[in-house]
Amino acid sequence: MKPLKTKVSITLDDNVVQQIKEWAEADDRSFSQYINLILKTWISEHSKEK
């Protein structure tokens, strides 16, 4: 069974969106998948600090 996902709406700066789109395309992922990957990595790295 796939993990549950929640739809969210956020506003990002144009330059941030463009950079993420470029990275996602280079990694053959969707924009949404790449944002999820970035956030999971950030959370994992910063959870260790506490």
Foldseek 3Di string as FASTA:
>chain_A
DDDDDDDDDDDDDPVVQVVLCVVCVVVVHDSVVSVVVVVVVVCVVVVVVD
